[in-house]
């Protein structure tokens, strides 16, 4: 066979195959690859987990209501036992029933009468605090035993006679000191000073009180030698200095007063005290 017929034969065969491929493309073409699976949105983005709130049981609700009711009743009872005080005389805040008002030497603030007659004491306290007539308040104060109520009346009542009576029945040193140093009436301050036993409070009155008679009362109750020496050296009233010199025991202080006091009577008194101390074995 010659080359030309062979070439012609091969060309015809290739053409036949091409025509066959066009008529049946699925047989000749490879199958396309399957598409990649897509992630579901639920798998790609996870939603946060929300835990349900714990359910409150009926028993817990009942216990809570009982607690609230008990607290409310206690608050109402407290407010009922503390009626509004009368108009203040000094502008100070009311003296409370707190432990700050209890005397260190007298920790029990309630008396036997309060324990045995609480209803009567409640009425007396209400009248002493709120009655419009000072004479009625005074009658109530005469029968009061509560130190906290007496302290309130002694520091807040608008009538000096009522405050004085209340102060005379006080034993709490903190309340007495407040009356002795802040009351606007000198007679009330004097009475309260005479009932003080706290040396620091007495020294404060002896040094800072304006009225010389009240300073003398404080000096008469002082035992603190440093406070007495200060008053004996520097008080502006000769009678107060005299009262202090009579109680001074320090020889150095007496010698200083005997040589420097401006009043001859005070110098003689200090000199006599000094020689008396020197003669004492």
C-alpha atoms as a PDB file:
ATOM      1  CA  UNK A   1       0.000   0.000   0.000  1.00  0.00           C
ATOM      2  CA  UNK A   2       1.266   3.397  -0.909  1.00  0.00           C
ATOM      3  CA  UNK A   3       1.674   6.216   1.583  1.00  0.00           C
ATOM      4  CA  UNK A   4      -1.069   8.406   0.142  1.00  0.00           C
ATOM      5  CA  UNK A   5      -3.849   5.864   0.534  1.00  0.00           C
ATOM      6  CA  UNK A   6      -2.668   5.152   4.101  1.00  0.00           C
ATOM      7  CA  UNK A   7      -2.740   8.786   5.016  1.00  0.00           C
ATOM      8  CA  UNK A   8      -6.116   9.169   3.494  1.00  0.00           C
ATOM      9  CA  UNK A   9      -7.372   6.167   5.496  1.00  0.00           C
ATOM     10  CA  UNK A  10      -6.077   7.573   8.792  1.00  0.00           C
ATOM     11  CA  UNK A  11      -7.669  10.978   8.113  1.00  0.00           C
ATOM     12  CA  UNK A  12     -10.993   9.353   7.382  1.00  0.00           C
ATOM     13  CA  UNK A  13     -10.800   7.328  10.595  1.00  0.00           C
ATOM     14  CA  UNK A  14     -10.056  10.419  12.669  1.00  0.00           C
ATOM     15  CA  UNK A  15     -12.931  12.263  11.095  1.00  0.00           C
ATOM     16  CA  UNK A  16     -15.251   9.412  11.885  1.00  0.00           C
ATOM     17  CA  UNK A  17     -14.252   9.379  15.492  1.00  0.00           C
ATOM     18  CA  UNK A  18     -14.796  13.165  15.772  1.00  0.00           C
ATOM     19  CA  UNK A  19     -18.298  12.818  14.316  1.00  0.00           C
ATOM     20  CA  UNK A  20     -19.069  10.021  16.746  1.00  0.00           C
ATOM     21  CA  UNK A  21     -17.839  12.124  19.645  1.00  0.00           C
ATOM     22  CA  UNK A  22     -20.094  14.999  18.711  1.00  0.00           C
ATOM     23  CA  UNK A  23     -23.131  12.730  18.585  1.00  0.00           C
ATOM     24  CA  UNK A  24     -22.478  11.146  22.066  1.00  0.00           C
ATOM     25  CA  UNK A  25     -20.561  13.654  24.182  1.00  0.00           C
ATOM     26  CA  UNK A  26     -21.275  11.897  27.537  1.00  0.00           C
ATOM     27  CA  UNK A  27     -19.399   8.843  26.442  1.00  0.00           C
ATOM     28  CA  UNK A  28     -16.266  10.724  25.478  1.00  0.00           C
ATOM     29  CA  UNK A  29     -16.167  13.409  28.206  1.00  0.00           C
ATOM     30  CA  UNK A  30     -15.174  12.525  31.784  1.00  0.00           C
ATOM     31  CA  UNK A  31     -17.771  13.031  34.478  1.00  0.00           C
ATOM     32  CA  UNK A  32     -17.398  16.336  36.338  1.00  0.00           C
ATOM     33  CA  UNK A  33     -16.229  16.224  39.938  1.00  0.00           C
ATOM     34  CA  UNK A  34     -18.939  16.412  42.600  1.00  0.00           C
ATOM     35  CA  UNK A  35     -19.193  19.867  44.207  1.00  0.00           C
ATOM     36  CA  UNK A  36     -17.679  20.301  47.650  1.00  0.00           C
ATOM     37  CA  UNK A  37     -20.244  20.077  50.460  1.00  0.00           C
ATOM     38  CA  UNK A  38     -21.167  23.444  51.976  1.00  0.00           C
ATOM     39  CA  UNK A  39     -21.149  23.959  55.736  1.00  0.00           C
ATOM     40  CA  UNK A  40     -24.488  24.565  57.243  1.00  0.00           C
ATOM     41  CA  UNK A  41     -24.941  27.937  58.964  1.00  0.00           C
ATOM     42  CA  UNK A  42     -25.852  26.202  62.177  1.00  0.00           C
ATOM     43  CA  UNK A  43     -22.458  24.396  62.100  1.00  0.00           C
ATOM     44  CA  UNK A  44     -20.402  27.408  61.040  1.00  0.00           C
ATOM     45  CA  UNK A  45     -21.819  29.858  63.656  1.00  0.00           C
ATOM     46  CA  UNK A  46     -22.671  28.453  67.031  1.00  0.00           C
ATOM     47  CA  UNK A  47     -25.305  30.316  68.965  1.00  0.00           C
ATOM     48  CA  UNK A  48     -24.602  31.042  72.672  1.00  0.00           C
ATOM     49  CA  UNK A  49     -26.221  28.817  75.213  1.00  0.00           C
ATOM     50  CA  UNK A  50     -28.764  30.453  77.533  1.00  0.00           C
ATOM     51  CA  UNK A  51     -29.440  28.729  80.800  1.00  0.00           C
ATOM     52  CA  UNK A  52     -32.921  29.268  82.153  1.00  0.00           C
ATOM     53  CA  UNK A  53     -33.194  31.255  85.420  1.00  0.00           C
ATOM     54  CA  UNK A  54     -33.694  29.109  88.512  1.00  0.00           C
ATOM     55  CA  UNK A  55     -37.296  28.869  89.464  1.00  0.00           C
ATOM     56  CA  UNK A  56     -38.274  30.186  92.934  1.00  0.00           C
ATOM     57  CA  UNK A  57     -40.326  27.631  94.769  1.00  0.00           C
ATOM     58  CA  UNK A  58     -43.531  28.440  96.582  1.00  0.00           C
ATOM     59  CA  UNK A  59     -41.870  27.643  99.918  1.00  0.00           C
ATOM     60  CA  UNK A  60     -39.083  30.179  99.266  1.00  0.00           C
ATOM     61  CA  UNK A  61     -41.632  32.854  98.352  1.00  0.00           C
ATOM     62  CA  UNK A  62     -43.465  32.189 101.616  1.00  0.00           C
ATOM     63  CA  UNK A  63     -40.279  32.507 103.697  1.00  0.00           C
ATOM     64  CA  UNK A  64     -39.382  35.783 101.969  1.00  0.00           C
ATOM     65  CA  UNK A  65     -42.808  37.284 102.625  1.00  0.00           C
ATOM     66  CA  UNK A  66     -42.567  36.298 106.286  1.00  0.00           C
ATOM     67  CA  UNK A  67     -39.180  38.023 106.657  1.00  0.00           C
ATOM     68  CA  UNK A  68     -40.383  41.236 105.027  1.00  0.00           C
ATOM     69  CA  UNK A  69     -43.476  41.279 107.221  1.00  0.00           C
ATOM     70  CA  UNK A  70     -41.414  40.792 110.376  1.00  0.00           C
ATOM     71  CA  UNK A  71     -39.023  43.626 109.453  1.00  0.00           C
ATOM     72  CA  UNK A  72     -41.900  45.962 108.665  1.00  0.00           C
ATOM     73  CA  UNK A  73     -43.629  45.235 111.958  1.00  0.00           C
ATOM     74  CA  UNK A  74     -40.385  45.810 113.875  1.00  0.00           C
ATOM     75  CA  UNK A  75     -39.842  49.137 112.110  1.00  0.00           C
ATOM     76  CA  UNK A  76     -43.379  50.286 112.852  1.00  0.00           C
ATOM     77  CA  UNK A  77     -42.988  49.377 116.510  1.00  0.00           C
ATOM     78  CA  UNK A  78     -39.713  51.276 116.703  1.00  0.00           C
ATOM     79  CA  UNK A  79     -41.214  54.388 115.156  1.00  0.00           C
ATOM     80  CA  UNK A  80     -44.231  54.217 117.450  1.00  0.00           C
ATOM     81  CA  UNK A  81     -41.965  54.112 120.475  1.00  0.00           C
ATOM     82  CA  UNK A  82     -40.094  57.232 119.350  1.00  0.00           C
ATOM     83  CA  UNK A  83     -42.560  60.140 118.913  1.00  0.00           C
ATOM     84  CA  UNK A  84     -41.347  63.486 117.627  1.00  0.00           C
ATOM     85  CA  UNK A  85     -39.526  65.649 120.241  1.00  0.00           C
ATOM     86  CA  UNK A  86     -40.597  69.232 121.086  1.00  0.00           C
ATOM     87  CA  UNK A  87     -38.863  72.325 119.764  1.00  0.00           C
ATOM     88  CA  UNK A  88     -35.161  72.329 120.576  1.00  0.00           C
ATOM     89  CA  UNK A  89     -33.627  74.899 122.880  1.00  0.00           C
ATOM     90  CA  UNK A  90     -30.036  74.590 121.720  1.00  0.00           C
ATOM     91  CA  UNK A  91     -30.368  73.489 118.112  1.00  0.00           C
ATOM     92  CA  UNK A  92     -28.487  70.246 118.767  1.00  0.00           C
ATOM     93  CA  UNK A  93     -29.470  66.901 117.323  1.00  0.00           C
ATOM     94  CA  UNK A  94     -31.544  64.593 119.549  1.00  0.00           C
ATOM     95  CA  UNK A  95     -29.677  62.406 121.971  1.00  0.00           C
ATOM     96  CA  UNK A  96     -30.218  58.837 120.781  1.00  0.00           C
ATOM     97  CA  UNK A  97     -30.579  55.577 122.694  1.00  0.00           C
ATOM     98  CA  UNK A  98     -27.211  54.448 121.414  1.00  0.00           C
ATOM     99  CA  UNK A  99     -24.460  52.943 123.536  1.00  0.00           C
ATOM    100  CA  UNK A 100     -22.566  56.240 123.369  1.00  0.00           C
ATOM    101  CA  UNK A 101     -24.930  57.668 125.990  1.00  0.00           C
ATOM    102  CA  UNK A 102     -24.397  54.865 128.487  1.00  0.00           C
ATOM    103  CA  UNK A 103     -22.126  55.724 131.382  1.00  0.00           C
ATOM    104  CA  UNK A 104     -19.119  53.433 131.700  1.00  0.00           C
ATOM    105  CA  UNK A 105     -19.765  53.152 135.424  1.00  0.00           C
ATOM    106  CA  UNK A 106     -23.504  52.603 134.920  1.00  0.00           C
ATOM    107  CA  UNK A 107     -23.967  50.334 131.897  1.00  0.00           C
ATOM    108  CA  UNK A 108     -27.614  49.485 132.682  1.00  0.00           C
ATOM    109  CA  UNK A 109     -29.807  52.215 131.212  1.00  0.00           C
ATOM    110  CA  UNK A 110     -33.199  50.691 132.015  1.00  0.00           C
ATOM    111  CA  UNK A 111     -34.471  50.858 135.587  1.00  0.00           C
ATOM    112  CA  UNK A 112     -36.715  48.512 137.482  1.00  0.00           C
ATOM    113  CA  UNK A 113     -39.667  50.841 136.922  1.00  0.00           C
ATOM    114  CA  UNK A 114     -39.184  50.644 133.149  1.00  0.00           C
ATOM    115  CA  UNK A 115     -39.222  46.861 133.304  1.00  0.00           C
ATOM    116  CA  UNK A 116     -42.259  46.671 135.558  1.00  0.00           C
ATOM    117  CA  UNK A 117     -44.304  49.525 134.027  1.00  0.00           C
ATOM    118  CA  UNK A 118     -43.322  49.847 130.375  1.00  0.00           C
ATOM    119  CA  UNK A 119     -46.726  51.215 129.301  1.00  0.00           C
ATOM    120  CA  UNK A 120     -46.653  53.987 131.909  1.00  0.00           C
ATOM    121  CA  UNK A 121     -43.087  54.949 131.010  1.00  0.00           C
ATOM    122  CA  UNK A 122     -44.005  55.074 127.344  1.00  0.00           C
ATOM    123  CA  UNK A 123     -46.827  57.531 128.049  1.00  0.00           C
ATOM    124  CA  UNK A 124     -44.602  59.625 130.322  1.00  0.00           C
ATOM    125  CA  UNK A 125     -41.905  59.783 127.655  1.00  0.00           C
ATOM    126  CA  UNK A 126     -44.413  60.877 125.029  1.00  0.00           C
ATOM    127  CA  UNK A 127     -45.820  63.620 127.275  1.00  0.00           C
ATOM    128  CA  UNK A 128     -42.359  64.792 128.358  1.00  0.00           C
ATOM    129  CA  UNK A 129     -41.294  65.144 124.739  1.00  0.00           C
ATOM    130  CA  UNK A 130     -44.360  66.563 123.044  1.00  0.00           C
ATOM    131  CA  UNK A 131     -46.839  68.250 125.412  1.00  0.00           C
ATOM    132  CA  UNK A 132     -47.368  71.936 124.579  1.00  0.00           C
ATOM    133  CA  UNK A 133     -47.510  73.028 128.248  1.00  0.00           C
ATOM    134  CA  UNK A 134     -44.121  73.072 129.977  1.00  0.00           C
ATOM    135  CA  UNK A 135     -45.685  72.472 133.399  1.00  0.00           C
ATOM    136  CA  UNK A 136     -47.241  69.240 132.119  1.00  0.00           C
ATOM    137  CA  UNK A 137     -43.916  68.183 130.643  1.00  0.00           C
ATOM    138  CA  UNK A 138     -42.273  68.900 133.981  1.00  0.00           C
ATOM    139  CA  UNK A 139     -44.720  66.627 135.829  1.00  0.00           C
ATOM    140  CA  UNK A 140     -43.947  63.844 133.358  1.00  0.00           C
ATOM    141  CA  UNK A 141     -40.183  64.342 133.752  1.00  0.00           C
ATOM    142  CA  UNK A 142     -40.511  63.992 137.539  1.00  0.00           C
ATOM    143  CA  UNK A 143     -41.666  60.394 137.039  1.00  0.00           C
ATOM    144  CA  UNK A 144     -39.433  59.404 134.147  1.00  0.00           C
ATOM    145  CA  UNK A 145     -36.721  56.800 134.694  1.00  0.00           C
ATOM    146  CA  UNK A 146     -35.366  56.316 131.157  1.00  0.00           C
ATOM    147  CA  UNK A 147     -31.926  57.887 130.898  1.00  0.00           C
ATOM    148  CA  UNK A 148     -32.177  58.251 127.131  1.00  0.00           C
ATOM    149  CA  UNK A 149     -35.472  60.156 127.341  1.00  0.00           C
ATOM    150  CA  UNK A 150     -34.203  62.312 130.200  1.00  0.00           C
ATOM    151  CA  UNK A 151     -31.123  63.142 128.112  1.00  0.00           C
ATOM    152  CA  UNK A 152     -33.320  64.213 125.210  1.00  0.00           C
ATOM    153  CA  UNK A 153     -35.424  66.460 127.416  1.00  0.00           C
ATOM    154  CA  UNK A 154     -32.380  67.913 129.209  1.00  0.00           C
ATOM    155  CA  UNK A 155     -30.759  68.905 125.912  1.00  0.00           C
ATOM    156  CA  UNK A 156     -33.790  69.827 123.808  1.00  0.00           C
ATOM    157  CA  UNK A 157     -36.716  71.159 125.849  1.00  0.00           C
ATOM    158  CA  UNK A 158     -37.417  74.865 125.299  1.00  0.00           C
ATOM    159  CA  UNK A 159     -38.119  75.581 128.997  1.00  0.00           C
ATOM    160  CA  UNK A 160     -35.073  75.958 131.323  1.00  0.00           C
ATOM    161  CA  UNK A 161     -36.957  74.612 134.352  1.00  0.00           C
ATOM    162  CA  UNK A 162     -37.818  71.409 132.498  1.00  0.00           C
ATOM    163  CA  UNK A 163     -34.248  70.988 131.248  1.00  0.00           C
ATOM    164  CA  UNK A 164     -32.903  71.586 134.739  1.00  0.00           C
ATOM    165  CA  UNK A 165     -35.216  68.972 136.243  1.00  0.00           C
ATOM    166  CA  UNK A 166     -34.281  66.446 133.575  1.00  0.00           C
ATOM    167  CA  UNK A 167     -30.569  67.110 134.118  1.00  0.00           C
ATOM    168  CA  UNK A 168     -30.959  66.608 137.867  1.00  0.00           C
ATOM    169  CA  UNK A 169     -32.217  63.071 137.188  1.00  0.00           C
ATOM    170  CA  UNK A 170     -29.411  62.193 134.784  1.00  0.00           C
ATOM    171  CA  UNK A 171     -26.508  59.911 135.648  1.00  0.00           C
ATOM    172  CA  UNK A 172     -25.042  59.488 132.164  1.00  0.00           C
ATOM    173  CA  UNK A 173     -21.831  61.538 132.065  1.00  0.00           C
ATOM    174  CA  UNK A 174     -21.864  62.150 128.304  1.00  0.00           C
ATOM    175  CA  UNK A 175     -25.346  63.691 128.476  1.00  0.00           C
ATOM    176  CA  UNK A 176     -24.508  65.736 131.584  1.00  0.00           C
ATOM    177  CA  UNK A 177     -21.353  67.080 129.942  1.00  0.00           C
ATOM    178  CA  UNK A 178     -23.368  68.157 126.918  1.00  0.00           C
ATOM    179  CA  UNK A 179     -25.775  70.089 129.147  1.00  0.00           C
ATOM    180  CA  UNK A 180     -22.947  71.564 131.223  1.00  0.00           C
ATOM    181  CA  UNK A 181     -21.084  72.902 128.200  1.00  0.00           C
ATOM    182  CA  UNK A 182     -23.838  73.807 125.707  1.00  0.00           C
ATOM    183  CA  UNK A 183     -27.020  74.862 127.479  1.00  0.00           C
ATOM    184  CA  UNK A 184     -27.844  78.538 126.936  1.00  0.00           C
ATOM    185  CA  UNK A 185     -29.067  79.016 130.522  1.00  0.00           C
ATOM    186  CA  UNK A 186     -26.287  79.376 133.111  1.00  0.00           C
ATOM    187  CA  UNK A 187     -28.392  77.889 135.915  1.00  0.00           C
ATOM    188  CA  UNK A 188     -28.887  74.701 133.914  1.00  0.00           C
ATOM    189  CA  UNK A 189     -25.157  74.514 133.113  1.00  0.00           C
ATOM    190  CA  UNK A 190     -24.284  75.033 136.765  1.00  0.00           C
ATOM    191  CA  UNK A 191     -26.557  72.252 137.956  1.00  0.00           C
ATOM    192  CA  UNK A 192     -25.216  69.836 135.332  1.00  0.00           C
ATOM    193  CA  UNK A 193     -21.616  70.746 136.198  1.00  0.00           C
ATOM    194  CA  UNK A 194     -22.253  69.976 139.858  1.00  0.00           C
ATOM    195  CA  UNK A 195     -23.283  66.438 138.877  1.00  0.00           C
ATOM    196  CA  UNK A 196     -20.200  65.700 136.783  1.00  0.00           C
ATOM    197  CA  UNK A 197     -17.584  63.213 137.960  1.00  0.00           C
ATOM    198  CA  UNK A 198     -15.560  62.833 134.759  1.00  0.00           C
ATOM    199  CA  UNK A 199     -12.284  64.710 135.347  1.00  0.00           C
ATOM    200  CA  UNK A 200     -11.706  65.537 131.681  1.00  0.00           C
ATOM    201  CA  UNK A 201     -15.171  67.079 131.365  1.00  0.00           C
ATOM    202  CA  UNK A 202     -14.729  69.010 134.635  1.00  0.00           C
ATOM    203  CA  UNK A 203     -11.375  70.340 133.446  1.00  0.00           C
ATOM    204  CA  UNK A 204     -12.989  71.525 130.221  1.00  0.00           C
ATOM    205  CA  UNK A 205     -15.666  73.422 132.151  1.00  0.00           C
ATOM    206  CA  UNK A 206     -13.131  74.883 134.583  1.00  0.00           C
ATOM    207  CA  UNK A 207     -11.026  76.256 131.729  1.00  0.00           C
ATOM    208  CA  UNK A 208     -13.559  77.248 129.076  1.00  0.00           C
ATOM    209  CA  UNK A 209     -16.796  78.173 130.874  1.00  0.00           C
ATOM    210  CA  UNK A 210     -17.627  81.884 130.740  1.00  0.00           C
ATOM    211  CA  UNK A 211     -19.409  82.118 134.086  1.00  0.00           C
ATOM    212  CA  UNK A 212     -16.983  82.267 137.055  1.00  0.00           C
ATOM    213  CA  UNK A 213     -19.472  80.669 139.443  1.00  0.00           C
ATOM    214  CA  UNK A 214     -19.723  77.607 137.195  1.00  0.00           C
ATOM    215  CA  UNK A 215     -15.923  77.461 136.851  1.00  0.00           C
ATOM    216  CA  UNK A 216     -15.672  77.458 140.659  1.00  0.00           C
ATOM    217  CA  UNK A 217     -18.114  74.555 140.862  1.00  0.00           C
ATOM    218  CA  UNK A 218     -15.973  72.625 138.395  1.00  0.00           C
ATOM    219  CA  UNK A 219     -12.796  73.445 140.339  1.00  0.00           C
ATOM    220  CA  UNK A 220     -14.371  72.250 143.588  1.00  0.00           C
ATOM    221  CA  UNK A 221     -14.859  68.811 141.999  1.00  0.00           C
ATOM    222  CA  UNK A 222     -11.484  68.647 140.245  1.00  0.00           C
ATOM    223  CA  UNK A 223      -8.728  66.365 141.504  1.00  0.00           C
ATOM    224  CA  UNK A 224      -6.489  66.518 138.446  1.00  0.00           C
ATOM    225  CA  UNK A 225      -3.437  68.529 139.539  1.00  0.00           C
ATOM    226  CA  UNK A 226      -2.417  69.676 136.055  1.00  0.00           C
ATOM    227  CA  UNK A 227      -5.876  71.126 135.430  1.00  0.00           C
ATOM    228  CA  UNK A 228      -5.909  72.783 138.861  1.00  0.00           C
ATOM    229  CA  UNK A 229      -2.464  74.308 138.251  1.00  0.00           C
ATOM    230  CA  UNK A 230      -3.606  75.744 134.922  1.00  0.00           C
ATOM    231  CA  UNK A 231      -6.649  77.362 136.508  1.00  0.00           C
ATOM    232  CA  UNK A 232      -4.640  78.638 139.504  1.00  0.00           C
ATOM    233  CA  UNK A 233      -2.099  80.313 137.215  1.00  0.00           C
ATOM    234  CA  UNK A 234      -4.294  81.770 134.510  1.00  0.00           C
ATOM    235  CA  UNK A 235      -7.969  82.156 135.401  1.00  0.00           C
ATOM    236  CA  UNK A 236      -9.112  85.736 134.915  1.00  0.00           C
ATOM    237  CA  UNK A 237     -11.257  85.753 138.060  1.00  0.00           C
ATOM    238  CA  UNK A 238      -9.411  85.972 141.385  1.00  0.00           C
ATOM    239  CA  UNK A 239     -12.051  83.923 143.241  1.00  0.00           C
ATOM    240  CA  UNK A 240     -11.667  81.037 140.792  1.00  0.00           C
ATOM    241  CA  UNK A 241      -7.874  81.183 141.105  1.00  0.00           C
ATOM    242  CA  UNK A 242      -8.269  81.173 144.889  1.00  0.00           C
ATOM    243  CA  UNK A 243     -10.425  78.025 144.743  1.00  0.00           C
ATOM    244  CA  UNK A 244      -7.829  76.322 142.583  1.00  0.00           C
ATOM    245  CA  UNK A 245      -4.847  77.371 144.741  1.00  0.00           C
ATOM    246  CA  UNK A 246      -6.564  75.863 147.785  1.00  0.00           C
ATOM    247  CA  UNK A 247      -6.406  72.455 146.066  1.00  0.00           C
ATOM    248  CA  UNK A 248      -2.973  72.663 144.420  1.00  0.00           C
ATOM    249  CA  UNK A 249      -0.320  70.437 146.026  1.00  0.00           C
ATOM    250  CA  UNK A 250       2.630  70.981 143.698  1.00  0.00           C
ATOM    251  CA  UNK A 251       5.308  73.115 145.469  1.00  0.00           C
ATOM    252  CA  UNK A 252       6.729  74.488 142.234  1.00  0.00           C
ATOM    253  CA  UNK A 253       3.314  75.743 141.154  1.00  0.00           C
ATOM    254  CA  UNK A 254       2.612  77.245 144.582  1.00  0.00           C
ATOM    255  CA  UNK A 255       5.983  79.035 144.556  1.00  0.00           C
ATOM    256  CA  UNK A 256       5.307  80.465 141.118  1.00  0.00           C
ATOM    257  CA  UNK A 257       1.870  81.742 142.166  1.00  0.00           C
ATOM    258  CA  UNK A 258       3.266  83.173 145.431  1.00  0.00           C
ATOM    259  CA  UNK A 259       5.744  85.312 143.505  1.00  0.00           C
ATOM    260  CA  UNK A 260       3.796  86.229 140.375  1.00  0.00           C
ATOM    261  CA  UNK A 261       0.020  86.402 140.956  1.00  0.00           C
ATOM    262  CA  UNK A 262      -1.360  89.900 140.503  1.00  0.00           C
ATOM    263  CA  UNK A 263      -3.662  89.641 143.545  1.00  0.00           C
ATOM    264  CA  UNK A 264      -2.009  89.977 146.977  1.00  0.00           C
ATOM    265  CA  UNK A 265      -4.597  87.712 148.616  1.00  0.00           C
ATOM    266  CA  UNK A 266      -3.771  84.918 146.165  1.00  0.00           C
ATOM    267  CA  UNK A 267      -0.030  85.389 146.719  1.00  0.00           C
ATOM    268  CA  UNK A 268      -0.527  85.151 150.486  1.00  0.00           C
ATOM    269  CA  UNK A 269      -2.677  82.053 150.110  1.00  0.00           C
ATOM    270  CA  UNK A 270      -0.090  80.382 147.883  1.00  0.00           C
ATOM    271  CA  UNK A 271       2.701  81.316 150.288  1.00  0.00           C
ATOM    272  CA  UNK A 272       0.761  79.898 153.205  1.00  0.00           C
ATOM    273  CA  UNK A 273       0.106  76.685 151.296  1.00  0.00           C
ATOM    274  CA  UNK A 274       3.774  76.479 150.379  1.00  0.00           C
ATOM    275  CA  UNK A 275       5.019  76.867 153.967  1.00  0.00           C
ATOM    276  CA  UNK A 276       2.325  74.494 155.150  1.00  0.00           C
ATOM    277  CA  UNK A 277       3.561  71.895 152.670  1.00  0.00           C
ATOM    278  CA  UNK A 278       7.171  72.506 153.741  1.00  0.00           C
ATOM    279  CA  UNK A 279       6.313  72.022 157.398  1.00  0.00           C
ATOM    280  CA  UNK A 280       4.509  68.764 156.678  1.00  0.00           C
ATOM    281  CA  UNK A 281       6.917  65.835 157.283  1.00  0.00           C
END
